[in-house]
Amino acid sequence: MGFWFLVHPFTNTWRRLGIAYYGLFAISYFGLFAWIMYLLREPLLNIHFATSYPLLGVAVVLLILSTWIAVLRHRVFKTSAVMGIPQIMHGKEQSTLITDGIYGYVRNPRYLEMGFSFAAMACFCNYLAVWVLLALYVPIIHIVVLMEERELRQRFGKPYEDYCRMVPRFLPHTGNAGNP
């Protein structure tokens, strides 16, 4: 989650430095994060609640929902875009505004996908640390979305404003899709 706090506010810097530096940064960031999580594994996983079969059932449902959203999202929003590559490209190489598929129903399906899989993980393993991280995910991801929206407004202007008026941020339309 913290990765995007180092990407969105500094998009122009990453564009100036180029894709190689951005890739080095991303690999270093996630490597450092993995190492820190490894070092903190014992205190983070110290409090474990008992296995709950109803929670395991909820976890399965949430994983299915997350996977379904991932499949729909991947049809129009590829892995390179998830990693922020189009954001740091120069000029015409930048991505176009995506409003097709699941993006016609909700503006942030990848964050819903992540949230559902994170909630599934909390239900499955039932550790206090994971529940705390899930509770932190909601406000943190909302801040990330606000930073991302500011950048998208700068990049796409009025078409993005129109899209925002037609398609909700998190809770998908159940009726007519708002394809602008």
N, C-alpha and C. Protein backbone atom coordinates (compact mmCIF):
# COMPACT_ATOMS: atom_id res chain seq x y z
N MET A 1 0.83 -1.20 0.00
CA MET A 1 0.00 0.00 0.00
C MET A 1 0.87 1.26 0.00
N GLY A 2 1.97 1.22 0.72
CA GLY A 2 2.83 2.38 0.81
C GLY A 2 3.55 2.72 -0.48
N PHE A 3 3.67 1.74 -1.37
CA PHE A 3 4.35 1.93 -2.65
C PHE A 3 3.79 3.13 -3.41
N TRP A 4 2.46 3.24 -3.43
CA TRP A 4 1.84 4.30 -4.23
C TRP A 4 2.07 5.68 -3.66
N PHE A 5 2.39 5.78 -2.35
CA PHE A 5 2.71 7.07 -1.76
C PHE A 5 4.07 7.57 -2.26
N LEU A 6 4.85 6.68 -2.83
CA LEU A 6 6.13 7.05 -3.39
C LEU A 6 6.10 7.12 -4.92
N VAL A 7 4.94 6.84 -5.50
CA VAL A 7 4.80 6.90 -6.95
C VAL A 7 3.95 8.11 -7.36
N HIS A 8 2.71 8.16 -6.90
CA HIS A 8 1.79 9.20 -7.37
C HIS A 8 2.28 10.63 -7.12
N PRO A 9 2.77 10.97 -5.94
CA PRO A 9 3.20 12.36 -5.75
C PRO A 9 4.46 12.72 -6.56
N PHE A 10 5.17 11.72 -7.03
CA PHE A 10 6.44 11.96 -7.71
C PHE A 10 6.43 11.47 -9.16
N THR A 11 5.27 11.44 -9.76
CA THR A 11 5.15 10.93 -11.13
C THR A 11 6.07 11.66 -12.10
N ASN A 12 6.12 12.98 -12.00
CA ASN A 12 6.98 13.74 -12.92
C ASN A 12 8.45 13.39 -12.73
N THR A 13 8.85 13.17 -11.49
CA THR A 13 10.24 12.77 -11.21
C THR A 13 10.53 11.40 -11.83
N TRP A 14 9.60 10.44 -11.68
CA TRP A 14 9.80 9.11 -12.26
C TRP A 14 9.84 9.18 -13.78
N ARG A 15 9.02 10.05 -14.37
CA ARG A 15 9.06 10.22 -15.82
C ARG A 15 10.41 10.74 -16.27
N ARG A 16 10.93 11.69 -15.51
CA ARG A 16 12.23 12.29 -15.86
C ARG A 16 13.36 11.26 -15.70
N LEU A 17 13.30 10.44 -14.64
CA LEU A 17 14.35 9.45 -14.40
C LEU A 17 14.28 8.28 -15.37
N GLY A 18 13.05 7.89 -15.76
CA GLY A 18 12.89 6.82 -16.74
C GLY A 18 12.53 5.47 -16.13
N ILE A 19 12.19 4.56 -17.01
CA ILE A 19 11.65 3.26 -16.63
C ILE A 19 12.67 2.40 -15.90
N ALA A 20 13.95 2.52 -16.23
CA ALA A 20 14.97 1.68 -15.57
C ALA A 20 15.08 2.04 -14.09
N TYR A 21 15.11 3.32 -13.77
CA TYR A 21 15.18 3.73 -12.37
C TYR A 21 13.90 3.37 -11.63
N TYR A 22 12.77 3.53 -12.29
CA TYR A 22 11.50 3.16 -11.68
C TYR A 22 11.47 1.66 -11.37
N GLY A 23 11.93 0.84 -12.30
CA GLY A 23 11.97 -0.60 -12.08
C GLY A 23 12.91 -0.97 -10.94
N LEU A 24 14.07 -0.32 -10.89
CA LEU A 24 15.01 -0.56 -9.80
C LEU A 24 14.39 -0.17 -8.47
N PHE A 25 13.71 0.97 -8.46
CA PHE A 25 13.02 1.41 -7.24
C PHE A 25 11.97 0.39 -6.81
N ALA A 26 11.14 -0.07 -7.75
CA ALA A 26 10.06 -1.01 -7.41
C ALA A 26 10.63 -2.31 -6.85
N ILE A 27 11.64 -2.85 -7.50
CA ILE A 27 12.25 -4.10 -7.02
C ILE A 27 12.86 -3.89 -5.64
N SER A 28 13.56 -2.77 -5.44
CA SER A 28 14.17 -2.48 -4.15
C SER A 28 13.12 -2.30 -3.06
N TYR A 29 12.05 -1.57 -3.39
CA TYR A 29 10.98 -1.33 -2.42
C TYR A 29 10.36 -2.64 -1.95
N PHE A 30 9.96 -3.48 -2.90
CA PHE A 30 9.30 -4.73 -2.53
C PHE A 30 10.26 -5.71 -1.87
N GLY A 31 11.53 -5.70 -2.26
CA GLY A 31 12.53 -6.53 -1.59
C GLY A 31 12.74 -6.10 -0.14
N LEU A 32 12.85 -4.79 0.08
CA LEU A 32 13.00 -4.27 1.44
C LEU A 32 11.76 -4.58 2.28
N PHE A 33 10.59 -4.41 1.68
CA PHE A 33 9.34 -4.72 2.39
C PHE A 33 9.30 -6.19 2.80
N ALA A 34 9.67 -7.08 1.89
CA ALA A 34 9.66 -8.52 2.20
C ALA A 34 10.65 -8.83 3.32
N TRP A 35 11.82 -8.21 3.28
CA TRP A 35 12.82 -8.44 4.32
C TRP A 35 12.32 -7.96 5.68
N ILE A 36 11.71 -6.77 5.73
CA ILE A 36 11.16 -6.24 6.98
C ILE A 36 10.05 -7.15 7.51
N MET A 37 9.18 -7.60 6.62
CA MET A 37 8.10 -8.51 7.06
C MET A 37 8.68 -9.82 7.59
N TYR A 38 9.75 -10.29 7.00
CA TYR A 38 10.41 -11.50 7.49
C TYR A 38 10.95 -11.27 8.90
N LEU A 39 11.59 -10.12 9.11
CA LEU A 39 12.15 -9.81 10.43
C LEU A 39 11.06 -9.64 11.49
N LEU A 40 9.91 -9.13 11.09
CA LEU A 40 8.82 -8.85 12.04
C LEU A 40 7.81 -9.99 12.13
N ARG A 41 8.08 -11.11 11.48
CA ARG A 41 7.07 -12.16 11.40
C ARG A 41 6.63 -12.68 12.77
N GLU A 42 7.55 -12.85 13.71
CA GLU A 42 7.17 -13.41 15.00
C GLU A 42 6.25 -12.47 15.79
N PRO A 43 6.62 -11.19 15.99
CA PRO A 43 5.68 -10.34 16.73
C PRO A 43 4.36 -10.11 15.98
N LEU A 44 4.42 -10.03 14.65
CA LEU A 44 3.20 -9.80 13.88
C LEU A 44 2.25 -11.00 13.95
N LEU A 45 2.81 -12.19 14.04
CA LEU A 45 1.98 -13.39 14.02
C LEU A 45 1.85 -14.02 15.41
N ASN A 46 2.08 -13.22 16.44
CA ASN A 46 2.04 -13.72 17.80
C ASN A 46 0.62 -14.03 18.28
N ILE A 47 -0.35 -13.25 17.86
CA ILE A 47 -1.74 -13.45 18.33
C ILE A 47 -2.54 -14.09 17.21
N HIS A 48 -2.94 -15.32 17.43
CA HIS A 48 -3.71 -16.08 16.46
C HIS A 48 -5.03 -16.49 17.10
N PHE A 49 -6.11 -16.15 16.44
CA PHE A 49 -7.42 -16.59 16.91
C PHE A 49 -7.65 -18.01 16.41
N ALA A 50 -8.53 -18.69 17.04
CA ALA A 50 -8.81 -20.08 16.66
C ALA A 50 -9.32 -20.16 15.22
N THR A 51 -9.10 -21.31 14.60
CA THR A 51 -9.63 -21.54 13.27
C THR A 51 -11.15 -21.49 13.33
N SER A 52 -11.72 -20.75 12.40
CA SER A 52 -13.17 -20.60 12.36
C SER A 52 -13.67 -21.09 11.01
N TYR A 53 -14.45 -22.15 11.02
CA TYR A 53 -14.94 -22.70 9.76
C TYR A 53 -15.90 -21.76 9.04
N PRO A 54 -16.75 -21.03 9.77
CA PRO A 54 -17.55 -20.02 9.04
C PRO A 54 -16.67 -18.96 8.35
N LEU A 55 -15.59 -18.54 9.02
CA LEU A 55 -14.68 -17.57 8.39
C LEU A 55 -13.95 -18.18 7.19
N LEU A 56 -13.65 -19.47 7.25
CA LEU A 56 -13.05 -20.13 6.09
C LEU A 56 -14.01 -20.11 4.90
N GLY A 57 -15.29 -20.31 5.17
CA GLY A 57 -16.30 -20.23 4.10
C GLY A 57 -16.37 -18.83 3.51
N VAL A 58 -16.32 -17.81 4.39
CA VAL A 58 -16.32 -16.42 3.92
C VAL A 58 -15.07 -16.16 3.08
N ALA A 59 -13.93 -16.71 3.53
CA ALA A 59 -12.67 -16.53 2.79
C ALA A 59 -12.78 -17.08 1.38
N VAL A 60 -13.39 -18.24 1.23
CA VAL A 60 -13.54 -18.84 -0.10
C VAL A 60 -14.40 -17.94 -0.99
N VAL A 61 -15.49 -17.44 -0.46
CA VAL A 61 -16.38 -16.56 -1.23
C VAL A 61 -15.62 -15.29 -1.64
N LEU A 62 -14.87 -14.70 -0.70
CA LEU A 62 -14.12 -13.49 -1.00
C LEU A 62 -13.02 -13.73 -2.04
N LEU A 63 -12.37 -14.88 -1.97
CA LEU A 63 -11.35 -15.21 -2.98
C LEU A 63 -11.96 -15.39 -4.36
N ILE A 64 -13.11 -16.02 -4.42
CA ILE A 64 -13.80 -16.18 -5.70
C ILE A 64 -14.18 -14.82 -6.26
N LEU A 65 -14.71 -13.95 -5.41
CA LEU A 65 -15.09 -12.60 -5.84
C LEU A 65 -13.85 -11.82 -6.30
N SER A 66 -12.77 -11.91 -5.54
CA SER A 66 -11.54 -11.22 -5.92
C SER A 66 -11.00 -11.73 -7.25
N THR A 67 -11.03 -13.03 -7.44
CA THR A 67 -10.55 -13.63 -8.69
C THR A 67 -11.41 -13.20 -9.87
N TRP A 68 -12.71 -13.18 -9.68
CA TRP A 68 -13.64 -12.76 -10.74
C TRP A 68 -13.34 -11.30 -11.14
N ILE A 69 -13.16 -10.43 -10.14
CA ILE A 69 -12.83 -9.03 -10.44
C ILE A 69 -11.48 -8.95 -11.15
N ALA A 70 -10.51 -9.76 -10.72
CA ALA A 70 -9.18 -9.76 -11.35
C ALA A 70 -9.27 -10.13 -12.82
N VAL A 71 -10.06 -11.14 -13.13
CA VAL A 71 -10.21 -11.57 -14.53
C VAL A 71 -10.84 -10.45 -15.35
N LEU A 72 -11.89 -9.84 -14.84
CA LEU A 72 -12.55 -8.75 -15.55
C LEU A 72 -11.63 -7.54 -15.70
N ARG A 73 -10.88 -7.23 -14.65
CA ARG A 73 -9.96 -6.09 -14.69
C ARG A 73 -8.83 -6.34 -15.67
N HIS A 74 -8.30 -7.56 -15.67
CA HIS A 74 -7.15 -7.86 -16.53
C HIS A 74 -7.51 -7.79 -18.02
N ARG A 75 -8.76 -7.94 -18.34
CA ARG A 75 -9.16 -7.83 -19.75
C ARG A 75 -8.88 -6.45 -20.32
N VAL A 76 -8.93 -5.43 -19.47
CA VAL A 76 -8.74 -4.06 -19.97
C VAL A 76 -7.59 -3.32 -19.29
N PHE A 77 -7.06 -3.85 -18.21
CA PHE A 77 -6.02 -3.17 -17.43
C PHE A 77 -4.93 -4.19 -17.14
N LYS A 78 -3.89 -4.17 -17.94
CA LYS A 78 -2.84 -5.19 -17.91
C LYS A 78 -1.89 -5.02 -16.72
N THR A 79 -1.05 -6.00 -16.50
CA THR A 79 -0.13 -6.02 -15.37
C THR A 79 0.81 -4.82 -15.37
N SER A 80 1.28 -4.40 -16.54
CA SER A 80 2.17 -3.24 -16.59
C SER A 80 1.49 -1.99 -16.06
N ALA A 81 0.19 -1.86 -16.33
CA ALA A 81 -0.55 -0.70 -15.82
C ALA A 81 -0.74 -0.80 -14.31
N VAL A 82 -0.94 -2.01 -13.79
CA VAL A 82 -1.07 -2.19 -12.35
C VAL A 82 0.21 -1.75 -11.65
N MET A 83 1.35 -1.99 -12.27
CA MET A 83 2.63 -1.59 -11.69
C MET A 83 2.96 -0.12 -11.92
N GLY A 84 2.11 0.61 -12.62
CA GLY A 84 2.30 2.05 -12.81
C GLY A 84 3.17 2.43 -13.99
N ILE A 85 3.48 1.49 -14.87
CA ILE A 85 4.38 1.78 -16.00
C ILE A 85 3.82 2.90 -16.89
N PRO A 86 2.52 2.88 -17.29
CA PRO A 86 2.03 3.97 -18.15
C PRO A 86 2.11 5.34 -17.50
N GLN A 87 2.06 5.38 -16.17
CA GLN A 87 2.11 6.67 -15.48
C GLN A 87 3.44 7.36 -15.66
N ILE A 88 4.49 6.58 -15.82
CA ILE A 88 5.81 7.21 -15.90
C ILE A 88 6.34 7.31 -17.33
N MET A 89 5.56 6.86 -18.30
CA MET A 89 5.98 6.96 -19.69
C MET A 89 5.83 8.40 -20.17
N HIS A 90 6.61 8.78 -21.14
CA HIS A 90 6.57 10.12 -21.70
C HIS A 90 5.60 10.20 -22.87
N GLY A 91 4.99 11.35 -23.01
CA GLY A 91 4.21 11.68 -24.20
C GLY A 91 3.14 10.67 -24.58
N LYS A 92 3.13 10.29 -25.86
CA LYS A 92 2.08 9.45 -26.43
C LYS A 92 2.13 8.01 -25.93
N GLU A 93 3.25 7.60 -25.29
CA GLU A 93 3.32 6.25 -24.78
C GLU A 93 2.41 6.06 -23.57
N GLN A 94 1.96 7.17 -22.97
CA GLN A 94 1.10 7.07 -21.80
C GLN A 94 -0.20 6.39 -22.18
N SER A 95 -0.82 5.77 -21.19
CA SER A 95 -2.05 5.04 -21.44
C SER A 95 -3.20 5.98 -21.77
N THR A 96 -4.24 5.40 -22.31
CA THR A 96 -5.46 6.14 -22.55
C THR A 96 -6.41 5.88 -21.38
N LEU A 97 -7.41 6.70 -21.25
CA LEU A 97 -8.39 6.56 -20.18
C LEU A 97 -9.21 5.29 -20.43
N ILE A 98 -9.22 4.40 -19.45
CA ILE A 98 -9.94 3.13 -19.58
C ILE A 98 -11.33 3.28 -18.99
N THR A 99 -12.34 3.06 -19.83
CA THR A 99 -13.73 3.17 -19.37
C THR A 99 -14.55 1.95 -19.78
N ASP A 100 -13.90 0.96 -20.38
CA ASP A 100 -14.59 -0.24 -20.87
C ASP A 100 -14.62 -1.32 -19.79
N GLY A 101 -15.39 -2.35 -20.08
CA GLY A 101 -15.44 -3.52 -19.20
C GLY A 101 -15.89 -3.16 -17.80
N ILE A 102 -15.21 -3.72 -16.82
CA ILE A 102 -15.58 -3.48 -15.43
C ILE A 102 -15.40 -2.01 -15.05
N TYR A 103 -14.53 -1.28 -15.79
CA TYR A 103 -14.33 0.13 -15.52
C TYR A 103 -15.54 0.98 -15.92
N GLY A 104 -16.50 0.39 -16.59
CA GLY A 104 -17.76 1.07 -16.87
C GLY A 104 -18.73 0.98 -15.69
N TYR A 105 -18.38 0.16 -14.70
CA TYR A 105 -19.23 -0.04 -13.52
C TYR A 105 -18.63 0.56 -12.26
N VAL A 106 -17.31 0.53 -12.17
CA VAL A 106 -16.62 1.04 -10.99
C VAL A 106 -15.24 1.53 -11.42
N ARG A 107 -14.79 2.66 -10.84
CA ARG A 107 -13.53 3.26 -11.27
C ARG A 107 -12.30 2.56 -10.70
N ASN A 108 -12.44 1.84 -9.62
CA ASN A 108 -11.27 1.26 -8.94
C ASN A 108 -11.42 -0.23 -8.67
N PRO A 109 -11.66 -1.04 -9.69
CA PRO A 109 -11.85 -2.47 -9.42
C PRO A 109 -10.61 -3.16 -8.86
N ARG A 110 -9.42 -2.68 -9.21
CA ARG A 110 -8.23 -3.35 -8.68
C ARG A 110 -8.11 -3.17 -7.19
N TYR A 111 -8.57 -2.04 -6.65
CA TYR A 111 -8.53 -1.86 -5.20
C TYR A 111 -9.61 -2.68 -4.51
N LEU A 112 -10.74 -2.88 -5.17
CA LEU A 112 -11.75 -3.80 -4.65
C LEU A 112 -11.21 -5.23 -4.65
N GLU A 113 -10.57 -5.59 -5.75
CA GLU A 113 -9.95 -6.91 -5.89
C GLU A 113 -8.95 -7.14 -4.75
N MET A 114 -8.07 -6.19 -4.52
CA MET A 114 -7.09 -6.31 -3.45
C MET A 114 -7.76 -6.36 -2.09
N GLY A 115 -8.76 -5.53 -1.89
CA GLY A 115 -9.47 -5.51 -0.60
C GLY A 115 -10.15 -6.83 -0.31
N PHE A 116 -10.81 -7.40 -1.32
CA PHE A 116 -11.47 -8.69 -1.12
C PHE A 116 -10.45 -9.80 -0.85
N SER A 117 -9.33 -9.79 -1.56
CA SER A 117 -8.34 -10.84 -1.31
C SER A 117 -7.67 -10.64 0.04
N PHE A 118 -7.46 -9.40 0.44
CA PHE A 118 -6.91 -9.11 1.76
C PHE A 118 -7.87 -9.57 2.86
N ALA A 119 -9.16 -9.30 2.68
CA ALA A 119 -10.17 -9.75 3.64
C ALA A 119 -10.24 -11.27 3.69
N ALA A 120 -10.09 -11.91 2.53
CA ALA A 120 -10.08 -13.37 2.49
C ALA A 120 -8.89 -13.92 3.27
N MET A 121 -7.74 -13.27 3.11
CA MET A 121 -6.55 -13.70 3.84
C MET A 121 -6.77 -13.55 5.35
N ALA A 122 -7.39 -12.46 5.77
CA ALA A 122 -7.66 -12.25 7.19
C ALA A 122 -8.60 -13.33 7.72
N CYS A 123 -9.65 -13.64 6.96
CA CYS A 123 -10.59 -14.68 7.37
C CYS A 123 -9.93 -16.05 7.42
N PHE A 124 -9.05 -16.31 6.48
CA PHE A 124 -8.42 -17.62 6.37
C PHE A 124 -7.41 -17.85 7.50
N CYS A 125 -6.49 -16.91 7.70
CA CYS A 125 -5.43 -17.15 8.68
C CYS A 125 -5.83 -16.72 10.09
N ASN A 126 -6.69 -15.71 10.22
CA ASN A 126 -7.27 -15.29 11.49
C ASN A 126 -6.22 -14.85 12.52
N TYR A 127 -5.26 -14.08 12.07
CA TYR A 127 -4.27 -13.47 12.95
C TYR A 127 -4.66 -12.02 13.21
N LEU A 128 -4.42 -11.54 14.43
CA LEU A 128 -4.75 -10.16 14.78
C LEU A 128 -4.04 -9.18 13.85
N ALA A 129 -2.77 -9.44 13.54
CA ALA A 129 -2.01 -8.52 12.69
C ALA A 129 -2.67 -8.32 11.33
N VAL A 130 -3.20 -9.39 10.76
CA VAL A 130 -3.83 -9.28 9.44
C VAL A 130 -5.14 -8.50 9.54
N TRP A 131 -5.88 -8.70 10.62
CA TRP A 131 -7.11 -7.93 10.81
C TRP A 131 -6.80 -6.44 10.98
N VAL A 132 -5.73 -6.12 11.70
CA VAL A 132 -5.33 -4.72 11.87
C VAL A 132 -4.92 -4.12 10.53
N LEU A 133 -4.14 -4.87 9.75
CA LEU A 133 -3.74 -4.38 8.43
C LEU A 133 -4.93 -4.18 7.51
N LEU A 134 -5.91 -5.07 7.61
CA LEU A 134 -7.12 -4.92 6.80
C LEU A 134 -7.86 -3.64 7.19
N ALA A 135 -7.94 -3.38 8.50
CA ALA A 135 -8.59 -2.14 8.95
C ALA A 135 -7.84 -0.91 8.46
N LEU A 136 -6.53 -0.99 8.38
CA LEU A 136 -5.73 0.14 7.88
C LEU A 136 -5.83 0.27 6.36
N TYR A 137 -6.10 -0.82 5.67
CA TYR A 137 -6.18 -0.81 4.21
C TYR A 137 -7.23 0.18 3.71
N VAL A 138 -8.38 0.21 4.37
CA VAL A 138 -9.49 1.04 3.88
C VAL A 138 -9.12 2.52 3.84
N PRO A 139 -8.68 3.15 4.93
CA PRO A 139 -8.35 4.57 4.80
C PRO A 139 -7.12 4.83 3.95
N ILE A 140 -6.14 3.93 4.00
CA ILE A 140 -4.92 4.14 3.22
C ILE A 140 -5.22 4.07 1.73
N ILE A 141 -6.01 3.09 1.32
CA ILE A 141 -6.29 2.95 -0.11
C ILE A 141 -7.17 4.12 -0.60
N HIS A 142 -8.01 4.64 0.29
CA HIS A 142 -8.82 5.81 -0.08
C HIS A 142 -7.90 7.01 -0.37
N ILE A 143 -6.88 7.20 0.45
CA ILE A 143 -5.92 8.29 0.21
C ILE A 143 -5.17 8.06 -1.10
N VAL A 144 -4.77 6.82 -1.35
CA VAL A 144 -4.08 6.49 -2.60
C VAL A 144 -4.97 6.82 -3.79
N VAL A 145 -6.24 6.46 -3.70
CA VAL A 145 -7.19 6.73 -4.79
C VAL A 145 -7.32 8.23 -5.02
N LEU A 146 -7.38 9.00 -3.96
CA LEU A 146 -7.48 10.46 -4.12
C LEU A 146 -6.24 11.02 -4.82
N MET A 147 -5.05 10.51 -4.47
CA MET A 147 -3.83 10.94 -5.17
C MET A 147 -3.87 10.54 -6.63
N GLU A 148 -4.31 9.31 -6.88
CA GLU A 148 -4.41 8.81 -8.25
C GLU A 148 -5.40 9.64 -9.07
N GLU A 149 -6.54 9.98 -8.46
CA GLU A 149 -7.53 10.77 -9.18
C GLU A 149 -7.01 12.16 -9.53
N ARG A 150 -6.24 12.75 -8.62
CA ARG A 150 -5.65 14.07 -8.92
C ARG A 150 -4.74 13.97 -10.14
N GLU A 151 -3.94 12.92 -10.18
CA GLU A 151 -3.04 12.73 -11.33
C GLU A 151 -3.84 12.47 -12.62
N LEU A 152 -4.88 11.67 -12.54
CA LEU A 152 -5.69 11.37 -13.73
C LEU A 152 -6.42 12.61 -14.23
N ARG A 153 -6.85 13.48 -13.32
CA ARG A 153 -7.46 14.75 -13.74
C ARG A 153 -6.46 15.60 -14.51
N GLN A 154 -5.22 15.62 -14.03
CA GLN A 154 -4.18 16.39 -14.72
C GLN A 154 -3.86 15.79 -16.07
N ARG A 155 -3.85 14.47 -16.14
CA ARG A 155 -3.46 13.78 -17.38
C ARG A 155 -4.57 13.80 -18.42
N PHE A 156 -5.83 13.57 -18.02
CA PHE A 156 -6.91 13.40 -18.99
C PHE A 156 -7.92 14.54 -19.03
N GLY A 157 -7.94 15.40 -18.00
CA GLY A 157 -8.82 16.56 -18.00
C GLY A 157 -10.30 16.24 -18.00
N LYS A 158 -11.05 16.93 -18.88
CA LYS A 158 -12.51 16.82 -18.91
C LYS A 158 -13.03 15.40 -19.14
N PRO A 159 -12.43 14.61 -20.03
CA PRO A 159 -12.93 13.24 -20.17
C PRO A 159 -12.92 12.46 -18.85
N TYR A 160 -11.89 12.69 -18.03
CA TYR A 160 -11.86 12.00 -16.74
C TYR A 160 -12.92 12.56 -15.80
N GLU A 161 -13.12 13.86 -15.82
CA GLU A 161 -14.17 14.48 -15.00
C GLU A 161 -15.54 13.92 -15.37
N ASP A 162 -15.80 13.79 -16.66
CA ASP A 162 -17.07 13.21 -17.11
C ASP A 162 -17.21 11.76 -16.65
N TYR A 163 -16.14 11.02 -16.76
CA TYR A 163 -16.12 9.63 -16.32
C TYR A 163 -16.44 9.53 -14.83
N CYS A 164 -15.83 10.41 -14.03
CA CYS A 164 -16.07 10.40 -12.58
C CYS A 164 -17.53 10.69 -12.25
N ARG A 165 -18.16 11.54 -13.03
CA ARG A 165 -19.57 11.84 -12.78
C ARG A 165 -20.48 10.65 -13.12
N MET A 166 -20.04 9.81 -14.04
CA MET A 166 -20.89 8.71 -14.51
C MET A 166 -20.63 7.38 -13.80
N VAL A 167 -19.41 7.17 -13.29
CA VAL A 167 -19.03 5.87 -12.74
C VAL A 167 -18.57 6.06 -11.29
N PRO A 168 -19.14 5.29 -10.36
CA PRO A 168 -18.78 5.45 -8.95
C PRO A 168 -17.35 4.98 -8.66
N ARG A 169 -16.82 5.50 -7.57
CA ARG A 169 -15.44 5.21 -7.18
C ARG A 169 -15.24 3.77 -6.73
N PHE A 170 -16.10 3.28 -5.81
CA PHE A 170 -15.88 1.96 -5.22
C PHE A 170 -17.05 1.00 -5.34
N LEU A 171 -18.26 1.47 -5.17
CA LEU A 171 -19.42 0.59 -5.18
C LEU A 171 -19.99 0.52 -6.59
N PRO A 172 -19.88 -0.63 -7.25
CA PRO A 172 -20.26 -0.71 -8.66
C PRO A 172 -21.75 -0.49 -8.90
N HIS A 173 -22.02 0.00 -10.09
CA HIS A 173 -23.40 0.09 -10.56
C HIS A 173 -23.93 -1.33 -10.72
N THR A 174 -25.18 -1.52 -10.40
CA THR A 174 -25.78 -2.83 -10.64
C THR A 174 -26.69 -2.81 -11.85
N GLY A 175 -27.04 -1.63 -12.29
CA GLY A 175 -27.92 -1.52 -13.46
C GLY A 175 -27.14 -1.16 -14.69
N ASN A 176 -27.44 0.00 -15.26
CA ASN A 176 -26.78 0.45 -16.48
C ASN A 176 -25.36 0.87 -16.19
N ALA A 177 -24.45 0.39 -16.99
CA ALA A 177 -23.05 0.80 -16.86
C ALA A 177 -22.91 2.20 -17.40
N GLY A 178 -22.05 2.98 -16.77
CA GLY A 178 -21.85 4.37 -17.19
C GLY A 178 -20.71 4.51 -18.15
N ASN A 179 -20.75 3.83 -19.27
CA ASN A 179 -19.66 3.98 -20.25
C ASN A 179 -19.75 5.34 -20.92
N PRO A 180 -18.80 6.20 -20.62
CA PRO A 180 -18.82 7.54 -21.24
C PRO A 180 -18.49 7.49 -22.71
